[in-house]
Every structure is written in C-alpha cells, then in structure tokens.
Amino acid sequence: MARILYGVHGSGHGHAMRALTIARRYSGHQFLFLGSGAGLDLLRREYPVFDCPNLDTPIRGHRVAMAALLRHNLPVWLQRKRWTESVRRLIESYRPDAVLTDYEFFTPLACRSLGIPCLSVDHQHVITSSFHSVPARQLSSYFATCCSIDFLFSNASEYLVISFFRPAVRNGRPVRLVAPLLRESVLAKEPSDAGHVVAYQGHPTNERFFSFLKATGRRVMVYGLDREGSEGDLHFRKYSEEGFLDDVASSRYVMCGGGHTLISEALFLGKPVVSFPIANAFEQYLNAFYLERMGWGANASAACRPRDFIASFEARLDVYRENIGRAKFVGNDDLCSLLDHYFQHRRLPDAAVE
C-alpha cells in the first residue's frame, strides 16, 4: 500500500471530482488531500484533508471578477513562504510514497524545495503545452493565462494532462496528454434520447443563459442553482449524482458553461454540447473553442440571438452526433497505466514504453 499526498485546487468541483475518481480507483492506497474550498469539502466526506489556502479565480456575473481575485489572492501570495513551509513539514511527517497535484499552488513548491518529484494531473496545462490558433480577440487572454500558469502553477516535475481535445504537445515539454478521466457512475450509463435538454448553471447572475434555455422550446432540466420547481418548460432540480447523470444520459443535448468535466462526460455519452464559457476565463473559452472546432457542439460566447442560434444548433445535431461517435472521450485505462508506473518508479514512462 502506497501513501499518496494529493494537492487539489478547491474552486468548483471539477478538480476534486478528478482526484476522487483516482483515489477510488486506487482504493488499496492511502490518500491524504491538501487544499481548500468547495472541492475539498467533497473529498473530506471520504478522505482526510489538510486545510491549506490556494490561489482562486472568483466569478461574478459569469465573468472573472478581477478586484475580488486580487483581494483573495494577494494575502495568500504574501504568505506563500509560511504555507510552503507548512506543506514541507506535512510531507516530512506524512512521508508519502508519491505526491500528486491538480492545479494546487503549494504542494509542487514544497516538493521542489525538498528535491522530491511531484506529478501534476490536470487539464489547465493543455493551454501551455500546445500552441492554439485562437481568434485575435482572445490573444491577450491567451498570453495572460499562459503567463499565470507558467509563473504560478508549473513547479511540478512532470505533467499528465487530461483533455477531451488533444492538440500536439510542444517539443521539450514534460507532458503526456490523455483522454478524459471519467467517474465510474458515468461509464455505467446507457445513453438514450427522451427529447429533453439538460442545463447546468452554477452562476445565477447569468440571465443571458436562461434566454437560450427558453429558446429551445423543449423541457429543460436545470441543475446547479440549488432550487426546485418549474417555470414553464424550465424544471429546476437540486443536484444528485444519480439523478443528474440519468438526465444527461437520456437528454437530446447539454447546455453548460465551459468546464472540462461536464463537457467530457456529455461527449462520452454521445451528447452535443452548447457551451457558455465564463468571460475572461481563457481555459473555459478554449474548451468551447475546440468543442466547436471539432464539430462536437457550439460555442455560444458570441451568440446574441437565442432563437436563431438554437435553431442553427439543432439543425446540426445529427452532424454533431456523427462526429462525436468517431472520437474517444475516455482515458481511464491509459491514465491509470501511467499512474501505475509513476507510483512504482516516481516518474512517468518514456513515450516509447506505452
């Protein structure tokens, strides 16, 4: 049995769900998670957690709130030496056999100072590990995000990058790219088409989103707002993993933000996706950009006429489904094969070994 220390970015649930899926897959190992936020509350239900702050990206009105970002992150940054030392002491007392991180700030820093390897398992490094031909209006956000990732979150020794799109990796990067890691509960679902739409909206201030839901003219199961009830064709449901996945698996298509986890799950279940990425959050924009570029769905970030947009999207549903059916959206076995090697040798195998 190996002892695994795992630093997890706690904003939202995507990072924590990925970490939880790995921990459940390696149930014979002992895991200690490190981080803060809503994601760590999810992990805390099943595993011990060491509370440690992390750099965060606050969202207001479906866009990155720059003032709130500075207010939250500046104190964490100013205390980085103190928290890095706390994580160093944790590593020295816990004596892990392997250390993982999912976009967490302090764990790789502490490992680097101690001279021990740290493997990053995340999606964000797809931004810096490849070149992306995004529109000119996104270049400033692209470059700013690359600088942030390189400066703040690139202290691990190697990187396992999980992504539903897989661009060529730049030469010289210690990166391995694999298809999405999916929950066992997702893998167990049998897709069908009951005619409804599933919408996930974690930010109630995004009123624009609801105009698009109403434009579908279909029954829409709306999750993420922690409320129940109906308003016309919109049926609000409180989140439950089983109920949500049942609705996704039996939906005609999915409407959501730009988060990697839900888009990956929907595509695996054969569902085209309409994505509304959070403004100024380049990772979400890039997910929506590739979703549209690969012909698996539509990027609604620039759409302004809901009825026309939805009509055009629905007219292409068969094309989207055909394109989705030709792609691979599950990488669990590939990822775990690489993790098996890492847990044994404290490094990833050479590319030719796979």
Foldseek 3Di string as FASTA:
>chain_A
DFEEEEEFEADDAPRLVLVVQVCVVPVVYAYEYEEDYPNVVVVVVPHHYDYDYFQDFDAALLATDVVVSCVPVVVCVVCLVVRLVVVLVVCVVSVGLAYEYEQGFRNLVNCVVVVAAYEYEYALCVLVFDDDDDDPVCVVLSVVSNCCCVVGPPSGPAYEHEACDDDDGDPPHRYDYFFHAAHPLLVPDAAAAPAEEEEEDQHVSNPVLVVLVVLLVAQYEYENPQDADDDVSYTYDYDDPNVNSVCLRHHQAYEYEQDGHVVLSSLVSLHAYEYAYRHSPVNSVVSQVVSVVLLQYHYCPPPDDNNVVSVVRVVCSVVNSVSSVVGDRHGNVVVVVQVVCCSVPVGGDDPVVD
